[in-house]
PDBML (XML) file of the C-alpha atoms, coordinates in Angstrom:
<?xml version="1.0" encoding="UTF-8" ?>
<PDBx:datablock datablockName="MODEL"
   xmlns:PDBx="http://pdbml.pdb.org/schema/pdbx-v50.xsd"
   xmlns:xsi="http://www.w3.org/2001/XMLSchema-instance"
   xsi:schemaLocation="http://pdbml.pdb.org/schema/pdbx-v50.xsd pdbx-v50.xsd">
   <PDBx:atom_siteCategory>
      <PDBx:atom_site id="1">
         <PDBx:B_iso_or_equiv>0.00</PDBx:B_iso_or_equiv>
         <PDBx:Cartn_x>-30.750</PDBx:Cartn_x>
         <PDBx:Cartn_y>-54.804</PDBx:Cartn_y>
         <PDBx:Cartn_z>-26.345</PDBx:Cartn_z>
         <PDBx:auth_asym_id>A</PDBx:auth_asym_id>
         <PDBx:auth_atom_id>CA</PDBx:auth_atom_id>
         <PDBx:auth_comp_id>ILE</PDBx:auth_comp_id>
         <PDBx:auth_seq_id>1</PDBx:auth_seq_id>
         <PDBx:group_PDB>ATOM</PDBx:group_PDB>
         <PDBx:label_alt_id xsi:nil="true" />
         <PDBx:label_asym_id>A</PDBx:label_asym_id>
         <PDBx:label_atom_id>CA</PDBx:label_atom_id>
         <PDBx:label_comp_id>ILE</PDBx:label_comp_id>
         <PDBx:label_entity_id>1</PDBx:label_entity_id>
         <PDBx:label_seq_id>1</PDBx:label_seq_id>
         <PDBx:occupancy>1.00</PDBx:occupancy>
         <PDBx:pdbx_PDB_model_num>1</PDBx:pdbx_PDB_model_num>
         <PDBx:type_symbol>C</PDBx:type_symbol>
      </PDBx:atom_site>
      <PDBx:atom_site id="2">
         <PDBx:B_iso_or_equiv>0.00</PDBx:B_iso_or_equiv>
         <PDBx:Cartn_x>-34.265</PDBx:Cartn_x>
         <PDBx:Cartn_y>-55.462</PDBx:Cartn_y>
         <PDBx:Cartn_z>-27.664</PDBx:Cartn_z>
         <PDBx:auth_asym_id>A</PDBx:auth_asym_id>
         <PDBx:auth_atom_id>CA</PDBx:auth_atom_id>
         <PDBx:auth_comp_id>CYS</PDBx:auth_comp_id>
         <PDBx:auth_seq_id>2</PDBx:auth_seq_id>
         <PDBx:group_PDB>ATOM</PDBx:group_PDB>
         <PDBx:label_alt_id xsi:nil="true" />
         <PDBx:label_asym_id>A</PDBx:label_asym_id>
         <PDBx:label_atom_id>CA</PDBx:label_atom_id>
         <PDBx:label_comp_id>CYS</PDBx:label_comp_id>
         <PDBx:label_entity_id>1</PDBx:label_entity_id>
         <PDBx:label_seq_id>2</PDBx:label_seq_id>
         <PDBx:occupancy>1.00</PDBx:occupancy>
         <PDBx:pdbx_PDB_model_num>1</PDBx:pdbx_PDB_model_num>
         <PDBx:type_symbol>C</PDBx:type_symbol>
      </PDBx:atom_site>
      <PDBx:atom_site id="3">
         <PDBx:B_iso_or_equiv>0.00</PDBx:B_iso_or_equiv>
         <PDBx:Cartn_x>-36.646</PDBx:Cartn_x>
         <PDBx:Cartn_y>-58.396</PDBx:Cartn_y>
         <PDBx:Cartn_z>-27.337</PDBx:Cartn_z>
         <PDBx:auth_asym_id>A</PDBx:auth_asym_id>
         <PDBx:auth_atom_id>CA</PDBx:auth_atom_id>
         <PDBx:auth_comp_id>ASP</PDBx:auth_comp_id>
         <PDBx:auth_seq_id>3</PDBx:auth_seq_id>
         <PDBx:group_PDB>ATOM</PDBx:group_PDB>
         <PDBx:label_alt_id xsi:nil="true" />
         <PDBx:label_asym_id>A</PDBx:label_asym_id>
         <PDBx:label_atom_id>CA</PDBx:label_atom_id>
         <PDBx:label_comp_id>ASP</PDBx:label_comp_id>
         <PDBx:label_entity_id>1</PDBx:label_entity_id>
         <PDBx:label_seq_id>3</PDBx:label_seq_id>
         <PDBx:occupancy>1.00</PDBx:occupancy>
         <PDBx:pdbx_PDB_model_num>1</PDBx:pdbx_PDB_model_num>
         <PDBx:type_symbol>C</PDBx:type_symbol>
      </PDBx:atom_site>
      <PDBx:atom_site id="4">
         <PDBx:B_iso_or_equiv>0.00</PDBx:B_iso_or_equiv>
         <PDBx:Cartn_x>-40.166</PDBx:Cartn_x>
         <PDBx:Cartn_y>-59.312</PDBx:Cartn_y>
         <PDBx:Cartn_z>-28.407</PDBx:Cartn_z>
         <PDBx:auth_asym_id>A</PDBx:auth_asym_id>
         <PDBx:auth_atom_id>CA</PDBx:auth_atom_id>
         <PDBx:auth_comp_id>ASN</PDBx:auth_comp_id>
         <PDBx:auth_seq_id>4</PDBx:auth_seq_id>
         <PDBx:group_PDB>ATOM</PDBx:group_PDB>
         <PDBx:label_alt_id xsi:nil="true" />
         <PDBx:label_asym_id>A</PDBx:label_asym_id>
         <PDBx:label_atom_id>CA</PDBx:label_atom_id>
         <PDBx:label_comp_id>ASN</PDBx:label_comp_id>
         <PDBx:label_entity_id>1</PDBx:label_entity_id>
         <PDBx:label_seq_id>4</PDBx:label_seq_id>
         <PDBx:occupancy>1.00</PDBx:occupancy>
         <PDBx:pdbx_PDB_model_num>1</PDBx:pdbx_PDB_model_num>
         <PDBx:type_symbol>C</PDBx:type_symbol>
      </PDBx:atom_site>
      <PDBx:atom_site id="5">
         <PDBx:B_iso_or_equiv>0.00</PDBx:B_iso_or_equiv>
         <PDBx:Cartn_x>-41.280</PDBx:Cartn_x>
         <PDBx:Cartn_y>-60.411</PDBx:Cartn_y>
         <PDBx:Cartn_z>-24.953</PDBx:Cartn_z>
         <PDBx:auth_asym_id>A</PDBx:auth_asym_id>
         <PDBx:auth_atom_id>CA</PDBx:auth_atom_id>
         <PDBx:auth_comp_id>GLY</PDBx:auth_comp_id>
         <PDBx:auth_seq_id>5</PDBx:auth_seq_id>
         <PDBx:group_PDB>ATOM</PDBx:group_PDB>
         <PDBx:label_alt_id xsi:nil="true" />
         <PDBx:label_asym_id>A</PDBx:label_asym_id>
         <PDBx:label_atom_id>CA</PDBx:label_atom_id>
         <PDBx:label_comp_id>GLY</PDBx:label_comp_id>
         <PDBx:label_entity_id>1</PDBx:label_entity_id>
         <PDBx:label_seq_id>5</PDBx:label_seq_id>
         <PDBx:occupancy>1.00</PDBx:occupancy>
         <PDBx:pdbx_PDB_model_num>1</PDBx:pdbx_PDB_model_num>
         <PDBx:type_symbol>C</PDBx:type_symbol>
      </PDBx:atom_site>
      <PDBx:atom_site id="6">
         <PDBx:B_iso_or_equiv>0.00</PDBx:B_iso_or_equiv>
         <PDBx:Cartn_x>-44.301</PDBx:Cartn_x>
         <PDBx:Cartn_y>-59.113</PDBx:Cartn_y>
         <PDBx:Cartn_z>-23.021</PDBx:Cartn_z>
         <PDBx:auth_asym_id>A</PDBx:auth_asym_id>
         <PDBx:auth_atom_id>CA</PDBx:auth_atom_id>
         <PDBx:auth_comp_id>PRO</PDBx:auth_comp_id>
         <PDBx:auth_seq_id>6</PDBx:auth_seq_id>
         <PDBx:group_PDB>ATOM</PDBx:group_PDB>
         <PDBx:label_alt_id xsi:nil="true" />
         <PDBx:label_asym_id>A</PDBx:label_asym_id>
         <PDBx:label_atom_id>CA</PDBx:label_atom_id>
         <PDBx:label_comp_id>PRO</PDBx:label_comp_id>
         <PDBx:label_entity_id>1</PDBx:label_entity_id>
         <PDBx:label_seq_id>6</PDBx:label_seq_id>
         <PDBx:occupancy>1.00</PDBx:occupancy>
         <PDBx:pdbx_PDB_model_num>1</PDBx:pdbx_PDB_model_num>
         <PDBx:type_symbol>C</PDBx:type_symbol>
      </PDBx:atom_site>
      <PDBx:atom_site id="7">
         <PDBx:B_iso_or_equiv>0.00</PDBx:B_iso_or_equiv>
         <PDBx:Cartn_x>-42.717</PDBx:Cartn_x>
         <PDBx:Cartn_y>-55.671</PDBx:Cartn_y>
         <PDBx:Cartn_z>-22.480</PDBx:Cartn_z>
         <PDBx:auth_asym_id>A</PDBx:auth_asym_id>
         <PDBx:auth_atom_id>CA</PDBx:auth_atom_id>
         <PDBx:auth_comp_id>GLY</PDBx:auth_comp_id>
         <PDBx:auth_seq_id>7</PDBx:auth_seq_id>
         <PDBx:group_PDB>ATOM</PDBx:group_PDB>
         <PDBx:label_alt_id xsi:nil="true" />
         <PDBx:label_asym_id>A</PDBx:label_asym_id>
         <PDBx:label_atom_id>CA</PDBx:label_atom_id>
         <PDBx:label_comp_id>GLY</PDBx:label_comp_id>
         <PDBx:label_entity_id>1</PDBx:label_entity_id>
         <PDBx:label_seq_id>7</PDBx:label_seq_id>
         <PDBx:occupancy>1.00</PDBx:occupancy>
         <PDBx:pdbx_PDB_model_num>1</PDBx:pdbx_PDB_model_num>
         <PDBx:type_symbol>C</PDBx:type_symbol>
      </PDBx:atom_site>
      <PDBx:atom_site id="8">
         <PDBx:B_iso_or_equiv>0.00</PDBx:B_iso_or_equiv>
         <PDBx:Cartn_x>-42.601</PDBx:Cartn_x>
         <PDBx:Cartn_y>-53.562</PDBx:Cartn_y>
         <PDBx:Cartn_z>-19.329</PDBx:Cartn_z>
         <PDBx:auth_asym_id>A</PDBx:auth_asym_id>
         <PDBx:auth_atom_id>CA</PDBx:auth_atom_id>
         <PDBx:auth_comp_id>ILE</PDBx:auth_comp_id>
         <PDBx:auth_seq_id>8</PDBx:auth_seq_id>
         <PDBx:group_PDB>ATOM</PDBx:group_PDB>
         <PDBx:label_alt_id xsi:nil="true" />
         <PDBx:label_asym_id>A</PDBx:label_asym_id>
         <PDBx:label_atom_id>CA</PDBx:label_atom_id>
         <PDBx:label_comp_id>ILE</PDBx:label_comp_id>
         <PDBx:label_entity_id>1</PDBx:label_entity_id>
         <PDBx:label_seq_id>8</PDBx:label_seq_id>
         <PDBx:occupancy>1.00</PDBx:occupancy>
         <PDBx:pdbx_PDB_model_num>1</PDBx:pdbx_PDB_model_num>
         <PDBx:type_symbol>C</PDBx:type_symbol>
      </PDBx:atom_site>
      <PDBx:atom_site id="9">
         <PDBx:B_iso_or_equiv>0.00</PDBx:B_iso_or_equiv>
         <PDBx:Cartn_x>-45.897</PDBx:Cartn_x>
         <PDBx:Cartn_y>-52.783</PDBx:Cartn_y>
         <PDBx:Cartn_z>-17.562</PDBx:Cartn_z>
         <PDBx:auth_asym_id>A</PDBx:auth_asym_id>
         <PDBx:auth_atom_id>CA</PDBx:auth_atom_id>
         <PDBx:auth_comp_id>PRO</PDBx:auth_comp_id>
         <PDBx:auth_seq_id>9</PDBx:auth_seq_id>
         <PDBx:group_PDB>ATOM</PDBx:group_PDB>
         <PDBx:label_alt_id xsi:nil="true" />
         <PDBx:label_asym_id>A</PDBx:label_asym_id>
         <PDBx:label_atom_id>CA</PDBx:label_atom_id>
         <PDBx:label_comp_id>PRO</PDBx:label_comp_id>
         <PDBx:label_entity_id>1</PDBx:label_entity_id>
         <PDBx:label_seq_id>9</PDBx:label_seq_id>
         <PDBx:occupancy>1.00</PDBx:occupancy>
         <PDBx:pdbx_PDB_model_num>1</PDBx:pdbx_PDB_model_num>
         <PDBx:type_symbol>C</PDBx:type_symbol>
      </PDBx:atom_site>
      <PDBx:atom_site id="10">
         <PDBx:B_iso_or_equiv>0.00</PDBx:B_iso_or_equiv>
         <PDBx:Cartn_x>-46.765</PDBx:Cartn_x>
         <PDBx:Cartn_y>-49.092</PDBx:Cartn_y>
         <PDBx:Cartn_z>-17.612</PDBx:Cartn_z>
         <PDBx:auth_asym_id>A</PDBx:auth_asym_id>
         <PDBx:auth_atom_id>CA</PDBx:auth_atom_id>
         <PDBx:auth_comp_id>VAL</PDBx:auth_comp_id>
         <PDBx:auth_seq_id>10</PDBx:auth_seq_id>
         <PDBx:group_PDB>ATOM</PDBx:group_PDB>
         <PDBx:label_alt_id xsi:nil="true" />
         <PDBx:label_asym_id>A</PDBx:label_asym_id>
         <PDBx:label_atom_id>CA</PDBx:label_atom_id>
         <PDBx:label_comp_id>VAL</PDBx:label_comp_id>
         <PDBx:label_entity_id>1</PDBx:label_entity_id>
         <PDBx:label_seq_id>10</PDBx:label_seq_id>
         <PDBx:occupancy>1.00</PDBx:occupancy>
         <PDBx:pdbx_PDB_model_num>1</PDBx:pdbx_PDB_model_num>
         <PDBx:type_symbol>C</PDBx:type_symbol>
      </PDBx:atom_site>
      <PDBx:atom_site id="11">
         <PDBx:B_iso_or_equiv>0.00</PDBx:B_iso_or_equiv>
         <PDBx:Cartn_x>-46.938</PDBx:Cartn_x>
         <PDBx:Cartn_y>-48.857</PDBx:Cartn_y>
         <PDBx:Cartn_z>-13.817</PDBx:Cartn_z>
         <PDBx:auth_asym_id>A</PDBx:auth_asym_id>
         <PDBx:auth_atom_id>CA</PDBx:auth_atom_id>
         <PDBx:auth_comp_id>GLU</PDBx:auth_comp_id>
         <PDBx:auth_seq_id>11</PDBx:auth_seq_id>
         <PDBx:group_PDB>ATOM</PDBx:group_PDB>
         <PDBx:label_alt_id xsi:nil="true" />
         <PDBx:label_asym_id>A</PDBx:label_asym_id>
         <PDBx:label_atom_id>CA</PDBx:label_atom_id>
         <PDBx:label_comp_id>GLU</PDBx:label_comp_id>
         <PDBx:label_entity_id>1</PDBx:label_entity_id>
         <PDBx:label_seq_id>11</PDBx:label_seq_id>
         <PDBx:occupancy>1.00</PDBx:occupancy>
         <PDBx:pdbx_PDB_model_num>1</PDBx:pdbx_PDB_model_num>
         <PDBx:type_symbol>C</PDBx:type_symbol>
      </PDBx:atom_site>
      <PDBx:atom_site id="12">
         <PDBx:B_iso_or_equiv>0.00</PDBx:B_iso_or_equiv>
         <PDBx:Cartn_x>-43.314</PDBx:Cartn_x>
         <PDBx:Cartn_y>-50.057</PDBx:Cartn_y>
         <PDBx:Cartn_z>-13.513</PDBx:Cartn_z>
         <PDBx:auth_asym_id>A</PDBx:auth_asym_id>
         <PDBx:auth_atom_id>CA</PDBx:auth_atom_id>
         <PDBx:auth_comp_id>GLN</PDBx:auth_comp_id>
         <PDBx:auth_seq_id>12</PDBx:auth_seq_id>
         <PDBx:group_PDB>ATOM</PDBx:group_PDB>
         <PDBx:label_alt_id xsi:nil="true" />
         <PDBx:label_asym_id>A</PDBx:label_asym_id>
         <PDBx:label_atom_id>CA</PDBx:label_atom_id>
         <PDBx:label_comp_id>GLN</PDBx:label_comp_id>
         <PDBx:label_entity_id>1</PDBx:label_entity_id>
         <PDBx:label_seq_id>12</PDBx:label_seq_id>
         <PDBx:occupancy>1.00</PDBx:occupancy>
         <PDBx:pdbx_PDB_model_num>1</PDBx:pdbx_PDB_model_num>
         <PDBx:type_symbol>C</PDBx:type_symbol>
      </PDBx:atom_site>
      <PDBx:atom_site id="13">
         <PDBx:B_iso_or_equiv>0.00</PDBx:B_iso_or_equiv>
         <PDBx:Cartn_x>-41.698</PDBx:Cartn_x>
         <PDBx:Cartn_y>-47.711</PDBx:Cartn_y>
         <PDBx:Cartn_z>-16.049</PDBx:Cartn_z>
         <PDBx:auth_asym_id>A</PDBx:auth_asym_id>
         <PDBx:auth_atom_id>CA</PDBx:auth_atom_id>
         <PDBx:auth_comp_id>LYS</PDBx:auth_comp_id>
         <PDBx:auth_seq_id>13</PDBx:auth_seq_id>
         <PDBx:group_PDB>ATOM</PDBx:group_PDB>
         <PDBx:label_alt_id xsi:nil="true" />
         <PDBx:label_asym_id>A</PDBx:label_asym_id>
         <PDBx:label_atom_id>CA</PDBx:label_atom_id>
         <PDBx:label_comp_id>LYS</PDBx:label_comp_id>
         <PDBx:label_entity_id>1</PDBx:label_entity_id>
         <PDBx:label_seq_id>13</PDBx:label_seq_id>
         <PDBx:occupancy>1.00</PDBx:occupancy>
         <PDBx:pdbx_PDB_model_num>1</PDBx:pdbx_PDB_model_num>
         <PDBx:type_symbol>C</PDBx:type_symbol>
      </PDBx:atom_site>
      <PDBx:atom_site id="14">
         <PDBx:B_iso_or_equiv>0.00</PDBx:B_iso_or_equiv>
         <PDBx:Cartn_x>-41.310</PDBx:Cartn_x>
         <PDBx:Cartn_y>-44.709</PDBx:Cartn_y>
         <PDBx:Cartn_z>-13.733</PDBx:Cartn_z>
         <PDBx:auth_asym_id>A</PDBx:auth_asym_id>
         <PDBx:auth_atom_id>CA</PDBx:auth_atom_id>
         <PDBx:auth_comp_id>ALA</PDBx:auth_comp_id>
         <PDBx:auth_seq_id>14</PDBx:auth_seq_id>
         <PDBx:group_PDB>ATOM</PDBx:group_PDB>
         <PDBx:label_alt_id xsi:nil="true" />
         <PDBx:label_asym_id>A</PDBx:label_asym_id>
         <PDBx:label_atom_id>CA</PDBx:label_atom_id>
         <PDBx:label_comp_id>ALA</PDBx:label_comp_id>
         <PDBx:label_entity_id>1</PDBx:label_entity_id>
         <PDBx:label_seq_id>14</PDBx:label_seq_id>
         <PDBx:occupancy>1.00</PDBx:occupancy>
         <PDBx:pdbx_PDB_model_num>1</PDBx:pdbx_PDB_model_num>
         <PDBx:type_symbol>C</PDBx:type_symbol>
      </PDBx:atom_site>
      <PDBx:atom_site id="15">
         <PDBx:B_iso_or_equiv>0.00</PDBx:B_iso_or_equiv>
         <PDBx:Cartn_x>-39.284</PDBx:Cartn_x>
         <PDBx:Cartn_y>-46.640</PDBx:Cartn_y>
         <PDBx:Cartn_z>-11.113</PDBx:Cartn_z>
         <PDBx:auth_asym_id>A</PDBx:auth_asym_id>
         <PDBx:auth_atom_id>CA</PDBx:auth_atom_id>
         <PDBx:auth_comp_id>ASP</PDBx:auth_comp_id>
         <PDBx:auth_seq_id>15</PDBx:auth_seq_id>
         <PDBx:group_PDB>ATOM</PDBx:group_PDB>
         <PDBx:label_alt_id xsi:nil="true" />
         <PDBx:label_asym_id>A</PDBx:label_asym_id>
         <PDBx:label_atom_id>CA</PDBx:label_atom_id>
         <PDBx:label_comp_id>ASP</PDBx:label_comp_id>
         <PDBx:label_entity_id>1</PDBx:label_entity_id>
         <PDBx:label_seq_id>15</PDBx:label_seq_id>
         <PDBx:occupancy>1.00</PDBx:occupancy>
         <PDBx:pdbx_PDB_model_num>1</PDBx:pdbx_PDB_model_num>
         <PDBx:type_symbol>C</PDBx:type_symbol>
      </PDBx:atom_site>
      <PDBx:atom_site id="16">
         <PDBx:B_iso_or_equiv>0.00</PDBx:B_iso_or_equiv>
         <PDBx:Cartn_x>-37.820</PDBx:Cartn_x>
         <PDBx:Cartn_y>-49.279</PDBx:Cartn_y>
         <PDBx:Cartn_z>-13.407</PDBx:Cartn_z>
         <PDBx:auth_asym_id>A</PDBx:auth_asym_id>
         <PDBx:auth_atom_id>CA</PDBx:auth_atom_id>
         <PDBx:auth_comp_id>LEU</PDBx:auth_comp_id>
         <PDBx:auth_seq_id>16</PDBx:auth_seq_id>
         <PDBx:group_PDB>ATOM</PDBx:group_PDB>
         <PDBx:label_alt_id xsi:nil="true" />
         <PDBx:label_asym_id>A</PDBx:label_asym_id>
         <PDBx:label_atom_id>CA</PDBx:label_atom_id>
         <PDBx:label_comp_id>LEU</PDBx:label_comp_id>
         <PDBx:label_entity_id>1</PDBx:label_entity_id>
         <PDBx:label_seq_id>16</PDBx:label_seq_id>
         <PDBx:occupancy>1.00</PDBx:occupancy>
         <PDBx:pdbx_PDB_model_num>1</PDBx:pdbx_PDB_model_num>
         <PDBx:type_symbol>C</PDBx:type_symbol>
      </PDBx:atom_site>
      <PDBx:atom_site id="17">
         <PDBx:B_iso_or_equiv>0.00</PDBx:B_iso_or_equiv>
         <PDBx:Cartn_x>-34.180</PDBx:Cartn_x>
         <PDBx:Cartn_y>-48.712</PDBx:Cartn_y>
         <PDBx:Cartn_z>-12.395</PDBx:Cartn_z>
         <PDBx:auth_asym_id>A</PDBx:auth_asym_id>
         <PDBx:auth_atom_id>CA</PDBx:auth_atom_id>
         <PDBx:auth_comp_id>PHE</PDBx:auth_comp_id>
         <PDBx:auth_seq_id>17</PDBx:auth_seq_id>
         <PDBx:group_PDB>ATOM</PDBx:group_PDB>
         <PDBx:label_alt_id xsi:nil="true" />
         <PDBx:label_asym_id>A</PDBx:label_asym_id>
         <PDBx:label_atom_id>CA</PDBx:label_atom_id>
         <PDBx:label_comp_id>PHE</PDBx:label_comp_id>
         <PDBx:label_entity_id>1</PDBx:label_entity_id>
         <PDBx:label_seq_id>17</PDBx:label_seq_id>
         <PDBx:occupancy>1.00</PDBx:occupancy>
         <PDBx:pdbx_PDB_model_num>1</PDBx:pdbx_PDB_model_num>
         <PDBx:type_symbol>C</PDBx:type_symbol>
      </PDBx:atom_site>
      <PDBx:atom_site id="18">
         <PDBx:B_iso_or_equiv>0.00</PDBx:B_iso_or_equiv>
         <PDBx:Cartn_x>-34.861</PDBx:Cartn_x>
         <PDBx:Cartn_y>-48.439</PDBx:Cartn_y>
         <PDBx:Cartn_z>-8.655</PDBx:Cartn_z>
         <PDBx:auth_asym_id>A</PDBx:auth_asym_id>
         <PDBx:auth_atom_id>CA</PDBx:auth_atom_id>
         <PDBx:auth_comp_id>GLN</PDBx:auth_comp_id>
         <PDBx:auth_seq_id>18</PDBx:auth_seq_id>
         <PDBx:group_PDB>ATOM</PDBx:group_PDB>
         <PDBx:label_alt_id xsi:nil="true" />
         <PDBx:label_asym_id>A</PDBx:label_asym_id>
         <PDBx:label_atom_id>CA</PDBx:label_atom_id>
         <PDBx:label_comp_id>GLN</PDBx:label_comp_id>
         <PDBx:label_entity_id>1</PDBx:label_entity_id>
         <PDBx:label_seq_id>18</PDBx:label_seq_id>
         <PDBx:occupancy>1.00</PDBx:occupancy>
         <PDBx:pdbx_PDB_model_num>1</PDBx:pdbx_PDB_model_num>
         <PDBx:type_symbol>C</PDBx:type_symbol>
      </PDBx:atom_site>
      <PDBx:atom_site id="19">
         <PDBx:B_iso_or_equiv>0.00</PDBx:B_iso_or_equiv>
         <PDBx:Cartn_x>-33.841</PDBx:Cartn_x>
         <PDBx:Cartn_y>-51.320</PDBx:Cartn_y>
         <PDBx:Cartn_z>-6.386</PDBx:Cartn_z>
         <PDBx:auth_asym_id>A</PDBx:auth_asym_id>
         <PDBx:auth_atom_id>CA</PDBx:auth_atom_id>
         <PDBx:auth_comp_id>ALA</PDBx:auth_comp_id>
         <PDBx:auth_seq_id>19</PDBx:auth_seq_id>
         <PDBx:group_PDB>ATOM</PDBx:group_PDB>
         <PDBx:label_alt_id xsi:nil="true" />
         <PDBx:label_asym_id>A</PDBx:label_asym_id>
         <PDBx:label_atom_id>CA</PDBx:label_atom_id>
         <PDBx:label_comp_id>ALA</PDBx:label_comp_id>
         <PDBx:label_entity_id>1</PDBx:label_entity_id>
         <PDBx:label_seq_id>19</PDBx:label_seq_id>
         <PDBx:occupancy>1.00</PDBx:occupancy>
         <PDBx:pdbx_PDB_model_num>1</PDBx:pdbx_PDB_model_num>
         <PDBx:type_symbol>C</PDBx:type_symbol>
      </PDBx:atom_site>
      <PDBx:atom_site id="20">
         <PDBx:B_iso_or_equiv>0.00</PDBx:B_iso_or_equiv>
         <PDBx:Cartn_x>-36.562</PDBx:Cartn_x>
         <PDBx:Cartn_y>-53.918</PDBx:Cartn_y>
         <PDBx:Cartn_z>-5.719</PDBx:Cartn_z>
         <PDBx:auth_asym_id>A</PDBx:auth_asym_id>
         <PDBx:auth_atom_id>CA</PDBx:auth_atom_id>
         <PDBx:auth_comp_id>PHE</PDBx:auth_comp_id>
         <PDBx:auth_seq_id>20</PDBx:auth_seq_id>
         <PDBx:group_PDB>ATOM</PDBx:group_PDB>
         <PDBx:label_alt_id xsi:nil="true" />
         <PDBx:label_asym_id>A</PDBx:label_asym_id>
         <PDBx:label_atom_id>CA</PDBx:label_atom_id>
         <PDBx:label_comp_id>PHE</PDBx:label_comp_id>
         <PDBx:label_entity_id>1</PDBx:label_entity_id>
         <PDBx:label_seq_id>20</PDBx:label_seq_id>
         <PDBx:occupancy>1.00</PDBx:occupancy>
         <PDBx:pdbx_PDB_model_num>1</PDBx:pdbx_PDB_model_num>
         <PDBx:type_symbol>C</PDBx:type_symbol>
      </PDBx:atom_site>
      <PDBx:atom_site id="21">
         <PDBx:B_iso_or_equiv>0.00</PDBx:B_iso_or_equiv>
         <PDBx:Cartn_x>-39.112</PDBx:Cartn_x>
         <PDBx:Cartn_y>-51.972</PDBx:Cartn_y>
         <PDBx:Cartn_z>-7.821</PDBx:Cartn_z>
         <PDBx:auth_asym_id>A</PDBx:auth_asym_id>
         <PDBx:auth_atom_id>CA</PDBx:auth_atom_id>
         <PDBx:auth_comp_id>LYS</PDBx:auth_comp_id>
         <PDBx:auth_seq_id>21</PDBx:auth_seq_id>
         <PDBx:group_PDB>ATOM</PDBx:group_PDB>
         <PDBx:label_alt_id xsi:nil="true" />
         <PDBx:label_asym_id>A</PDBx:label_asym_id>
         <PDBx:label_atom_id>CA</PDBx:label_atom_id>
         <PDBx:label_comp_id>LYS</PDBx:label_comp_id>
         <PDBx:label_entity_id>1</PDBx:label_entity_id>
         <PDBx:label_seq_id>21</PDBx:label_seq_id>
         <PDBx:occupancy>1.00</PDBx:occupancy>
         <PDBx:pdbx_PDB_model_num>1</PDBx:pdbx_PDB_model_num>
         <PDBx:type_symbol>C</PDBx:type_symbol>
      </PDBx:atom_site>
      <PDBx:atom_site id="22">
         <PDBx:B_iso_or_equiv>0.00</PDBx:B_iso_or_equiv>
         <PDBx:Cartn_x>-39.301</PDBx:Cartn_x>
         <PDBx:Cartn_y>-54.523</PDBx:Cartn_y>
         <PDBx:Cartn_z>-10.653</PDBx:Cartn_z>
         <PDBx:auth_asym_id>A</PDBx:auth_asym_id>
         <PDBx:auth_atom_id>CA</PDBx:auth_atom_id>
         <PDBx:auth_comp_id>SER</PDBx:auth_comp_id>
         <PDBx:auth_seq_id>22</PDBx:auth_seq_id>
         <PDBx:group_PDB>ATOM</PDBx:group_PDB>
         <PDBx:label_alt_id xsi:nil="true" />
         <PDBx:label_asym_id>A</PDBx:label_asym_id>
         <PDBx:label_atom_id>CA</PDBx:label_atom_id>
         <PDBx:label_comp_id>SER</PDBx:label_comp_id>
         <PDBx:label_entity_id>1</PDBx:label_entity_id>
         <PDBx:label_seq_id>22</PDBx:label_seq_id>
         <PDBx:occupancy>1.00</PDBx:occupancy>
         <PDBx:pdbx_PDB_model_num>1</PDBx:pdbx_PDB_model_num>
         <PDBx:type_symbol>C</PDBx:type_symbol>
      </PDBx:atom_site>
      <PDBx:atom_site id="23">
         <PDBx:B_iso_or_equiv>0.00</PDBx:B_iso_or_equiv>
         <PDBx:Cartn_x>-38.666</PDBx:Cartn_x>
         <PDBx:Cartn_y>-58.242</PDBx:Cartn_y>
         <PDBx:Cartn_z>-10.532</PDBx:Cartn_z>
         <PDBx:auth_asym_id>A</PDBx:auth_asym_id>
         <PDBx:auth_atom_id>CA</PDBx:auth_atom_id>
         <PDBx:auth_comp_id>ARG</PDBx:auth_comp_id>
         <PDBx:auth_seq_id>23</PDBx:auth_seq_id>
         <PDBx:group_PDB>ATOM</PDBx:group_PDB>
         <PDBx:label_alt_id xsi:nil="true" />
         <PDBx:label_asym_id>A</PDBx:label_asym_id>
         <PDBx:label_atom_id>CA</PDBx:label_atom_id>
         <PDBx:label_comp_id>ARG</PDBx:label_comp_id>
         <PDBx:label_entity_id>1</PDBx:label_entity_id>
         <PDBx:label_seq_id>23</PDBx:label_seq_id>
         <PDBx:occupancy>1.00</PDBx:occupancy>
         <PDBx:pdbx_PDB_model_num>1</PDBx:pdbx_PDB_model_num>
         <PDBx:type_symbol>C</PDBx:type_symbol>
      </PDBx:atom_site>
      <PDBx:atom_site id="24">
         <PDBx:B_iso_or_equiv>0.00</PDBx:B_iso_or_equiv>
         <PDBx:Cartn_x>-38.452</PDBx:Cartn_x>
         <PDBx:Cartn_y>-60.770</PDBx:Cartn_y>
         <PDBx:Cartn_z>-13.357</PDBx:Cartn_z>
         <PDBx:auth_asym_id>A</PDBx:auth_asym_id>
         <PDBx:auth_atom_id>CA</PDBx:auth_atom_id>
         <PDBx:auth_comp_id>ARG</PDBx:auth_comp_id>
         <PDBx:auth_seq_id>24</PDBx:auth_seq_id>
         <PDBx:group_PDB>ATOM</PDBx:group_PDB>
         <PDBx:label_alt_id xsi:nil="true" />
         <PDBx:label_asym_id>A</PDBx:label_asym_id>
         <PDBx:label_atom_id>CA</PDBx:label_atom_id>
         <PDBx:label_comp_id>ARG</PDBx:label_comp_id>
         <PDBx:label_entity_id>1</PDBx:label_entity_id>
         <PDBx:label_seq_id>24</PDBx:label_seq_id>
         <PDBx:occupancy>1.00</PDBx:occupancy>
         <PDBx:pdbx_PDB_model_num>1</PDBx:pdbx_PDB_model_num>
         <PDBx:type_symbol>C</PDBx:type_symbol>
      </PDBx:atom_site>
   </PDBx:atom_siteCategory>
</PDBx:datablock>
């Protein structure tokens, strides 16, 4: 599933799938 949005910030990529680590 791909999109042309703003993307994921670099600082969030390491813990992206952890609970409460990233929030849209």
